[in-house]
């Protein structure tokens, strides 16, 4: 008969150290998880585009927070810091759009600038990858960048 071995991930002793050092945080964590589940499990029809973006960024931030905790309590600090970067960026963007809802269109239009920059990077540093791009993709990126570049 095949015997199953117990799988251990991370550093089990580290988990106890973290939860003992931050008891209040781990006491309220279930409420945070419930709030995230309520946000992600609820339909959000008939809301403005900027509020829809804020909700999606909030979901991303919440997921990044849970990933940070999972990695952190298991001793994977560098991985947790990568998740924190996503958490920080989503939170800052959501708050910026909340404070300046008129900037919503610019937020999306900036994507055309970034796409053009990525294609230019390929052209300059990875010519073989650039050569595989369809001409229509390159032309579309050029047209869209030209359409929005005066805004920035």
N, C-alpha and C. Protein backbone atom coordinates (compact mmCIF):
# COMPACT_ATOMS: atom_id res chain seq x y z
N UNK A 1 0.84 -1.18 0.00
CA UNK A 1 0.00 0.00 0.00
C UNK A 1 0.88 1.24 0.00
N UNK A 2 0.48 2.22 -0.79
CA UNK A 2 1.22 3.47 -0.89
C UNK A 2 0.96 4.33 0.34
N UNK A 3 2.02 4.80 0.95
CA UNK A 3 1.88 5.63 2.13
C UNK A 3 2.14 7.08 1.74
N UNK A 4 1.25 7.98 2.14
CA UNK A 4 1.40 9.40 1.82
C UNK A 4 2.35 10.05 2.79
N UNK A 5 3.23 10.86 2.22
CA UNK A 5 4.12 11.66 3.06
C UNK A 5 3.49 13.02 3.28
N UNK A 6 3.71 13.55 4.45
CA UNK A 6 3.20 14.88 4.74
C UNK A 6 4.06 15.91 3.99
N UNK A 7 3.39 16.82 3.31
CA UNK A 7 4.09 17.90 2.62
C UNK A 7 4.17 19.11 3.53
N UNK A 8 5.35 19.67 3.62
CA UNK A 8 5.54 20.87 4.43
C UNK A 8 6.07 21.96 3.52
N UNK A 9 5.37 23.08 3.50
CA UNK A 9 5.78 24.22 2.71
C UNK A 9 6.20 25.34 3.63
N UNK A 10 7.22 26.05 3.22
CA UNK A 10 7.65 27.20 4.01
C UNK A 10 8.41 26.76 5.24
N UNK A 11 8.31 27.57 6.26
CA UNK A 11 9.02 27.36 7.51
C UNK A 11 8.00 27.36 8.65
N UNK A 12 7.48 26.19 9.01
CA UNK A 12 6.38 26.10 9.97
C UNK A 12 6.64 26.84 11.28
N UNK A 13 7.86 26.86 11.77
CA UNK A 13 8.15 27.54 13.04
C UNK A 13 7.98 29.05 12.91
N UNK A 14 8.20 29.58 11.71
CA UNK A 14 8.09 31.01 11.48
C UNK A 14 6.66 31.49 11.65
N UNK A 15 5.71 30.67 11.25
CA UNK A 15 4.29 31.04 11.34
C UNK A 15 3.92 31.41 12.78
N UNK A 16 4.34 30.60 13.73
CA UNK A 16 4.03 30.88 15.14
C UNK A 16 4.66 32.17 15.62
N UNK A 17 5.89 32.43 15.20
CA UNK A 17 6.56 33.68 15.59
C UNK A 17 5.79 34.90 15.09
N UNK A 18 5.36 34.85 13.85
CA UNK A 18 4.65 35.98 13.26
C UNK A 18 3.30 36.20 13.94
N UNK A 19 2.55 35.16 14.14
CA UNK A 19 1.22 35.32 14.74
C UNK A 19 1.32 35.77 16.20
N UNK A 20 2.37 35.39 16.90
CA UNK A 20 2.56 35.86 18.27
C UNK A 20 2.96 37.33 18.31
N UNK A 21 3.74 37.77 17.34
CA UNK A 21 4.19 39.18 17.33
C UNK A 21 3.08 40.14 16.92
N UNK A 22 2.11 39.70 16.15
CA UNK A 22 1.06 40.58 15.63
C UNK A 22 -0.33 40.00 15.92
N UNK A 23 -0.65 39.80 17.20
CA UNK A 23 -1.92 39.13 17.51
C UNK A 23 -3.17 39.92 17.09
N UNK A 24 -3.13 41.24 17.21
CA UNK A 24 -4.31 42.04 16.85
C UNK A 24 -4.58 41.91 15.36
N UNK A 25 -3.53 41.97 14.55
CA UNK A 25 -3.71 41.84 13.11
C UNK A 25 -4.37 40.52 12.77
N UNK A 26 -3.89 39.44 13.35
CA UNK A 26 -4.44 38.12 13.04
C UNK A 26 -5.81 37.91 13.68
N UNK A 27 -6.15 38.74 14.67
CA UNK A 27 -7.49 38.69 15.24
C UNK A 27 -8.51 39.31 14.29
N UNK A 28 -8.13 40.39 13.60
CA UNK A 28 -9.07 41.07 12.70
C UNK A 28 -9.00 40.53 11.27
N UNK A 29 -8.02 39.74 10.96
CA UNK A 29 -7.84 39.21 9.61
C UNK A 29 -9.08 38.48 9.08
N UNK A 30 -9.76 37.66 9.86
CA UNK A 30 -10.97 37.02 9.32
C UNK A 30 -12.02 38.03 8.83
N UNK A 31 -12.15 39.16 9.53
CA UNK A 31 -13.10 40.19 9.09
C UNK A 31 -12.65 40.80 7.77
N UNK A 32 -11.36 40.98 7.60
CA UNK A 32 -10.82 41.49 6.34
C UNK A 32 -11.10 40.51 5.21
N UNK A 33 -10.91 39.24 5.46
CA UNK A 33 -11.19 38.21 4.46
C UNK A 33 -12.67 38.19 4.10
N UNK A 34 -13.53 38.34 5.10
CA UNK A 34 -14.97 38.38 4.85
C UNK A 34 -15.33 39.58 3.99
N UNK A 35 -14.75 40.74 4.28
CA UNK A 35 -15.01 41.95 3.49
C UNK A 35 -14.56 41.75 2.05
N UNK A 36 -13.40 41.15 1.85
CA UNK A 36 -12.91 40.88 0.50
C UNK A 36 -13.84 39.93 -0.23
N UNK A 37 -14.29 38.89 0.46
CA UNK A 37 -15.22 37.94 -0.16
C UNK A 37 -16.54 38.62 -0.52
N UNK A 38 -17.02 39.51 0.34
CA UNK A 38 -18.25 40.25 0.05
C UNK A 38 -18.08 41.12 -1.19
N UNK A 39 -16.93 41.77 -1.30
CA UNK A 39 -16.66 42.65 -2.44
C UNK A 39 -16.56 41.85 -3.73
N UNK A 40 -15.87 40.73 -3.68
CA UNK A 40 -15.65 39.96 -4.91
C UNK A 40 -16.86 39.13 -5.29
N UNK A 41 -17.70 38.79 -4.33
CA UNK A 41 -18.82 37.93 -4.63
C UNK A 41 -20.10 38.67 -4.99
N UNK A 42 -20.06 39.98 -4.96
CA UNK A 42 -21.25 40.78 -5.19
C UNK A 42 -21.23 41.36 -6.60
N UNK A 43 -22.39 41.38 -7.24
CA UNK A 43 -22.49 42.01 -8.56
C UNK A 43 -22.45 43.53 -8.42
N UNK A 44 -21.86 44.19 -9.38
CA UNK A 44 -21.75 45.64 -9.33
C UNK A 44 -22.20 46.22 -10.67
N UNK A 45 -23.50 46.13 -10.94
CA UNK A 45 -24.04 46.72 -12.15
C UNK A 45 -24.37 48.18 -11.88
N UNK A 46 -24.55 48.91 -12.95
CA UNK A 46 -25.01 50.30 -12.87
C UNK A 46 -24.13 51.18 -11.99
N UNK A 47 -22.86 51.04 -12.12
CA UNK A 47 -21.95 51.96 -11.44
C UNK A 47 -21.11 52.65 -12.50
N UNK A 48 -20.58 53.79 -12.15
CA UNK A 48 -19.78 54.54 -13.11
C UNK A 48 -18.49 53.79 -13.41
N UNK A 49 -17.91 54.11 -14.53
CA UNK A 49 -16.68 53.43 -14.96
C UNK A 49 -15.56 53.62 -13.96
N UNK A 50 -15.43 54.83 -13.41
CA UNK A 50 -14.35 55.06 -12.45
C UNK A 50 -14.57 54.25 -11.18
N UNK A 51 -15.83 54.11 -10.73
CA UNK A 51 -16.10 53.29 -9.55
C UNK A 51 -15.86 51.81 -9.84
N UNK A 52 -16.18 51.39 -11.06
CA UNK A 52 -15.92 50.00 -11.45
C UNK A 52 -14.41 49.72 -11.39
N UNK A 53 -13.61 50.66 -11.89
CA UNK A 53 -12.15 50.51 -11.82
C UNK A 53 -11.68 50.46 -10.37
N UNK A 54 -12.23 51.32 -9.53
CA UNK A 54 -11.83 51.35 -8.11
C UNK A 54 -12.17 50.02 -7.45
N UNK A 55 -13.33 49.46 -7.74
CA UNK A 55 -13.70 48.16 -7.16
C UNK A 55 -12.74 47.08 -7.63
N UNK A 56 -12.43 47.06 -8.92
CA UNK A 56 -11.50 46.04 -9.43
C UNK A 56 -10.12 46.20 -8.82
N UNK A 57 -9.66 47.43 -8.66
CA UNK A 57 -8.36 47.66 -8.01
C UNK A 57 -8.42 47.26 -6.54
N UNK A 58 -9.56 47.48 -5.90
CA UNK A 58 -9.73 47.04 -4.51
C UNK A 58 -9.66 45.53 -4.38
N UNK A 59 -10.27 44.84 -5.33
CA UNK A 59 -10.20 43.38 -5.34
C UNK A 59 -8.75 42.93 -5.52
N UNK A 60 -8.05 43.55 -6.48
CA UNK A 60 -6.64 43.21 -6.70
C UNK A 60 -5.82 43.48 -5.45
N UNK A 61 -6.06 44.61 -4.80
CA UNK A 61 -5.32 44.94 -3.57
C UNK A 61 -5.61 43.91 -2.48
N UNK A 62 -6.88 43.53 -2.34
CA UNK A 62 -7.24 42.55 -1.32
C UNK A 62 -6.59 41.20 -1.56
N UNK A 63 -6.57 40.78 -2.80
CA UNK A 63 -5.93 39.51 -3.13
C UNK A 63 -4.42 39.60 -2.87
N UNK A 64 -3.82 40.71 -3.26
CA UNK A 64 -2.38 40.90 -3.01
C UNK A 64 -2.09 40.91 -1.52
N UNK A 65 -3.00 41.47 -0.72
CA UNK A 65 -2.83 41.48 0.73
C UNK A 65 -2.84 40.05 1.28
N UNK A 66 -3.78 39.24 0.81
CA UNK A 66 -3.84 37.86 1.29
C UNK A 66 -2.62 37.07 0.85
N UNK A 67 -2.13 37.33 -0.37
CA UNK A 67 -0.90 36.67 -0.83
C UNK A 67 0.28 37.09 0.03
N UNK A 68 0.33 38.38 0.37
CA UNK A 68 1.41 38.88 1.22
C UNK A 68 1.41 38.16 2.56
N UNK A 69 0.24 38.02 3.15
CA UNK A 69 0.14 37.34 4.45
C UNK A 69 0.55 35.88 4.33
N UNK A 70 0.03 35.21 3.32
CA UNK A 70 0.35 33.79 3.12
C UNK A 70 1.86 33.59 2.98
N UNK A 71 2.47 34.41 2.16
CA UNK A 71 3.92 34.27 1.95
C UNK A 71 4.70 34.70 3.19
N UNK A 72 4.28 35.81 3.79
CA UNK A 72 5.00 36.35 4.94
C UNK A 72 5.01 35.42 6.14
N UNK A 73 3.84 34.86 6.48
CA UNK A 73 3.79 33.99 7.67
C UNK A 73 4.49 32.67 7.45
N UNK A 74 4.78 32.35 6.20
CA UNK A 74 5.50 31.11 5.93
C UNK A 74 6.97 31.34 5.64
N UNK A 75 7.44 32.56 5.92
CA UNK A 75 8.86 32.85 5.83
C UNK A 75 9.38 33.22 4.46
N UNK A 76 8.49 33.54 3.53
CA UNK A 76 8.91 33.90 2.18
C UNK A 76 8.84 35.41 1.99
N UNK A 77 9.69 36.13 2.72
CA UNK A 77 9.70 37.58 2.69
C UNK A 77 9.88 38.19 1.31
N UNK A 78 10.85 37.73 0.51
CA UNK A 78 11.01 38.33 -0.83
C UNK A 78 9.77 38.17 -1.71
N UNK A 79 9.12 37.02 -1.64
CA UNK A 79 7.89 36.83 -2.39
C UNK A 79 6.79 37.73 -1.87
N UNK A 80 6.72 37.89 -0.55
CA UNK A 80 5.72 38.78 0.04
C UNK A 80 5.95 40.21 -0.43
N UNK A 81 7.20 40.63 -0.55
CA UNK A 81 7.49 42.00 -1.00
C UNK A 81 7.04 42.21 -2.44
N UNK A 82 7.12 41.19 -3.26
CA UNK A 82 6.61 41.33 -4.64
C UNK A 82 5.10 41.54 -4.62
N UNK A 83 4.42 40.82 -3.75
CA UNK A 83 2.97 41.00 -3.65
C UNK A 83 2.64 42.38 -3.07
N UNK A 84 3.46 42.87 -2.16
CA UNK A 84 3.25 44.20 -1.58
C UNK A 84 3.35 45.27 -2.66
N UNK A 85 4.24 45.08 -3.62
CA UNK A 85 4.36 46.05 -4.71
C UNK A 85 3.04 46.16 -5.48
N UNK A 86 2.43 45.03 -5.80
CA UNK A 86 1.12 45.04 -6.47
C UNK A 86 0.06 45.69 -5.59
N UNK A 87 0.08 45.36 -4.31
CA UNK A 87 -0.86 45.94 -3.36
C UNK A 87 -0.73 47.46 -3.33
N UNK A 88 0.49 47.94 -3.25
CA UNK A 88 0.74 49.38 -3.20
C UNK A 88 0.28 50.08 -4.47
N UNK A 89 0.64 49.52 -5.62
CA UNK A 89 0.27 50.14 -6.89
C UNK A 89 -1.25 50.18 -7.08
N UNK A 90 -1.92 49.09 -6.76
CA UNK A 90 -3.38 49.06 -6.90
C UNK A 90 -4.04 50.06 -5.94
N UNK A 91 -3.53 50.15 -4.73
CA UNK A 91 -4.11 51.05 -3.74
C UNK A 91 -3.91 52.51 -4.12
N UNK A 92 -2.72 52.84 -4.58
CA UNK A 92 -2.44 54.22 -4.99
C UNK A 92 -3.30 54.60 -6.19
N UNK A 93 -3.40 53.71 -7.16
CA UNK A 93 -4.19 54.00 -8.36
C UNK A 93 -5.66 54.16 -8.00
N UNK A 94 -6.19 53.28 -7.16
CA UNK A 94 -7.59 53.37 -6.76
C UNK A 94 -7.86 54.69 -6.04
N UNK A 95 -6.99 55.07 -5.14
CA UNK A 95 -7.19 56.32 -4.40
C UNK A 95 -7.05 57.53 -5.32
N UNK A 96 -6.13 57.48 -6.25
CA UNK A 96 -5.97 58.58 -7.20
C UNK A 96 -7.23 58.75 -8.05
N UNK A 97 -7.76 57.65 -8.55
CA UNK A 97 -8.98 57.73 -9.37
C UNK A 97 -10.17 58.18 -8.50
N UNK A 98 -10.19 57.78 -7.24
CA UNK A 98 -11.26 58.23 -6.35
C UNK A 98 -11.19 59.74 -6.13
N UNK A 99 -9.98 60.25 -5.93
CA UNK A 99 -9.82 61.69 -5.69
C UNK A 99 -9.96 62.52 -6.95
N UNK A 100 -9.57 61.96 -8.08
CA UNK A 100 -9.58 62.69 -9.35
C UNK A 100 -10.30 61.87 -10.43
N UNK A 101 -11.62 61.71 -10.31
CA UNK A 101 -12.35 60.86 -11.26
C UNK A 101 -12.24 61.35 -12.70
N UNK A 102 -11.96 62.63 -12.91
CA UNK A 102 -11.81 63.14 -14.27
C UNK A 102 -10.56 62.59 -14.96
N UNK A 103 -9.65 62.00 -14.19
CA UNK A 103 -8.41 61.44 -14.75
C UNK A 103 -8.61 60.00 -15.25
N UNK A 104 -9.81 59.48 -15.09
CA UNK A 104 -10.10 58.10 -15.48
C UNK A 104 -9.74 57.84 -16.94
N UNK A 105 -10.17 58.72 -17.84
CA UNK A 105 -9.88 58.51 -19.26
C UNK A 105 -8.39 58.49 -19.53
N UNK A 106 -7.65 59.39 -18.88
CA UNK A 106 -6.20 59.42 -19.06
C UNK A 106 -5.55 58.12 -18.59
N UNK A 107 -6.09 57.56 -17.53
CA UNK A 107 -5.57 56.30 -17.01
C UNK A 107 -5.58 55.23 -18.10
N UNK A 108 -6.69 55.14 -18.82
CA UNK A 108 -6.79 54.14 -19.88
C UNK A 108 -6.02 54.54 -21.13
N UNK A 109 -6.05 55.81 -21.47
CA UNK A 109 -5.35 56.24 -22.68
C UNK A 109 -3.83 56.09 -22.53
N UNK A 110 -3.32 56.18 -21.32
CA UNK A 110 -1.89 55.99 -21.10
C UNK A 110 -1.44 54.60 -21.55
N UNK A 111 -2.34 53.65 -21.54
CA UNK A 111 -2.02 52.30 -21.99
C UNK A 111 -1.51 52.28 -23.42
N UNK A 112 -1.99 53.19 -24.26
CA UNK A 112 -1.51 53.26 -25.64
C UNK A 112 -0.04 53.70 -25.69
N UNK A 113 0.32 54.62 -24.82
CA UNK A 113 1.72 55.07 -24.74
C UNK A 113 2.60 53.90 -24.30
N UNK A 114 2.15 53.18 -23.28
CA UNK A 114 2.93 52.04 -22.77
C UNK A 114 3.06 50.95 -23.83
N UNK A 115 2.00 50.67 -24.55
CA UNK A 115 2.06 49.65 -25.59
C UNK A 115 3.06 50.04 -26.68
N UNK A 116 3.04 51.30 -27.07
CA UNK A 116 4.00 51.76 -28.08
C UNK A 116 5.43 51.62 -27.55
N UNK A 117 5.65 51.97 -26.29
CA UNK A 117 6.98 51.86 -25.70
C UNK A 117 7.46 50.41 -25.68
N UNK A 118 6.55 49.48 -25.40
CA UNK A 118 6.91 48.06 -25.40
C UNK A 118 7.32 47.60 -26.80
N UNK A 119 6.58 48.05 -27.79
CA UNK A 119 6.91 47.67 -29.17
C UNK A 119 8.25 48.28 -29.58
N UNK A 120 8.49 49.51 -29.17
CA UNK A 120 9.78 50.15 -29.47
C UNK A 120 10.94 49.42 -28.78
N UNK A 121 10.70 48.93 -27.57
CA UNK A 121 11.70 48.15 -26.86
C UNK A 121 12.04 46.90 -27.66
N UNK A 122 11.00 46.22 -28.13
CA UNK A 122 11.25 45.03 -28.94
C UNK A 122 12.04 45.38 -30.19
N UNK A 123 11.66 46.46 -30.85
CA UNK A 123 12.35 46.86 -32.08
C UNK A 123 13.84 47.10 -31.82
N UNK A 124 14.13 47.77 -30.71
CA UNK A 124 15.52 48.14 -30.43
C UNK A 124 16.34 47.00 -29.84
N UNK A 125 15.77 46.25 -28.91
CA UNK A 125 16.57 45.27 -28.15
C UNK A 125 16.28 43.81 -28.50
N UNK A 126 15.12 43.53 -29.07
CA UNK A 126 14.77 42.15 -29.41
C UNK A 126 14.21 42.11 -30.83
N UNK A 127 15.05 42.39 -31.81
CA UNK A 127 14.56 42.50 -33.18
C UNK A 127 13.91 41.23 -33.72
N UNK A 128 14.33 40.06 -33.25
CA UNK A 128 13.69 38.83 -33.71
C UNK A 128 12.24 38.76 -33.24
N UNK A 129 12.00 39.15 -32.00
CA UNK A 129 10.63 39.18 -31.48
C UNK A 129 9.81 40.26 -32.20
N UNK A 130 10.44 41.40 -32.44
CA UNK A 130 9.76 42.49 -33.15
C UNK A 130 9.33 42.05 -34.55
N UNK A 131 10.20 41.30 -35.22
CA UNK A 131 9.91 40.84 -36.58
C UNK A 131 8.70 39.91 -36.63
N UNK A 132 8.37 39.29 -35.51
CA UNK A 132 7.23 38.38 -35.46
C UNK A 132 5.89 39.09 -35.24
N UNK A 133 5.95 40.39 -34.92
CA UNK A 133 4.72 41.14 -34.72
C UNK A 133 4.03 41.39 -36.06
N UNK A 134 2.73 41.32 -36.06
CA UNK A 134 1.98 41.63 -37.27
C UNK A 134 2.04 43.14 -37.52
N UNK A 135 2.12 43.51 -38.78
CA UNK A 135 2.18 44.92 -39.13
C UNK A 135 0.98 45.69 -38.59
N UNK A 136 -0.18 45.06 -38.58
CA UNK A 136 -1.39 45.73 -38.09
C UNK A 136 -1.25 46.12 -36.62
N UNK A 137 -0.59 45.29 -35.82
CA UNK A 137 -0.38 45.59 -34.40
C UNK A 137 0.54 46.80 -34.26
N UNK A 138 1.60 46.82 -35.03
CA UNK A 138 2.55 47.93 -34.97
C UNK A 138 1.87 49.22 -35.42
N UNK A 139 1.12 49.15 -36.52
CA UNK A 139 0.45 50.34 -37.04
C UNK A 139 -0.62 50.85 -36.06
N UNK A 140 -1.36 49.93 -35.47
CA UNK A 140 -2.38 50.33 -34.50
C UNK A 140 -1.74 51.04 -33.30
N UNK A 141 -0.64 50.50 -32.83
CA UNK A 141 0.06 51.12 -31.70
C UNK A 141 0.54 52.52 -32.06
N UNK A 142 1.04 52.67 -33.27
CA UNK A 142 1.52 53.98 -33.73
C UNK A 142 0.37 54.97 -33.84
N UNK A 143 -0.74 54.55 -34.43
CA UNK A 143 -1.91 55.42 -34.59
C UNK A 143 -2.46 55.83 -33.22
N UNK A 144 -2.63 54.87 -32.33
CA UNK A 144 -3.20 55.17 -31.01
C UNK A 144 -2.27 56.07 -30.19
N UNK A 145 -0.97 55.83 -30.28
CA UNK A 145 -0.03 56.71 -29.58
C UNK A 145 -0.15 58.12 -30.13
N UNK A 146 -0.21 58.26 -31.45
CA UNK A 146 -0.35 59.58 -32.06
C UNK A 146 -1.64 60.27 -31.64
N UNK A 147 -2.69 59.50 -31.45
CA UNK A 147 -3.98 60.06 -31.06
C UNK A 147 -3.97 60.63 -29.65
N UNK A 148 -3.23 60.01 -28.74
CA UNK A 148 -3.29 60.42 -27.34
C UNK A 148 -2.06 61.14 -26.82
N UNK A 149 -0.96 61.15 -27.55
CA UNK A 149 0.30 61.64 -26.99
C UNK A 149 0.26 63.10 -26.56
N UNK A 150 -0.57 63.92 -27.18
CA UNK A 150 -0.64 65.33 -26.77
C UNK A 150 -1.23 65.50 -25.37
N UNK A 151 -1.95 64.51 -24.90
CA UNK A 151 -2.51 64.56 -23.54
C UNK A 151 -1.44 64.43 -22.48
N UNK A 152 -0.30 63.85 -22.89
CA UNK A 152 0.73 63.55 -21.91
C UNK A 152 1.97 64.34 -22.23
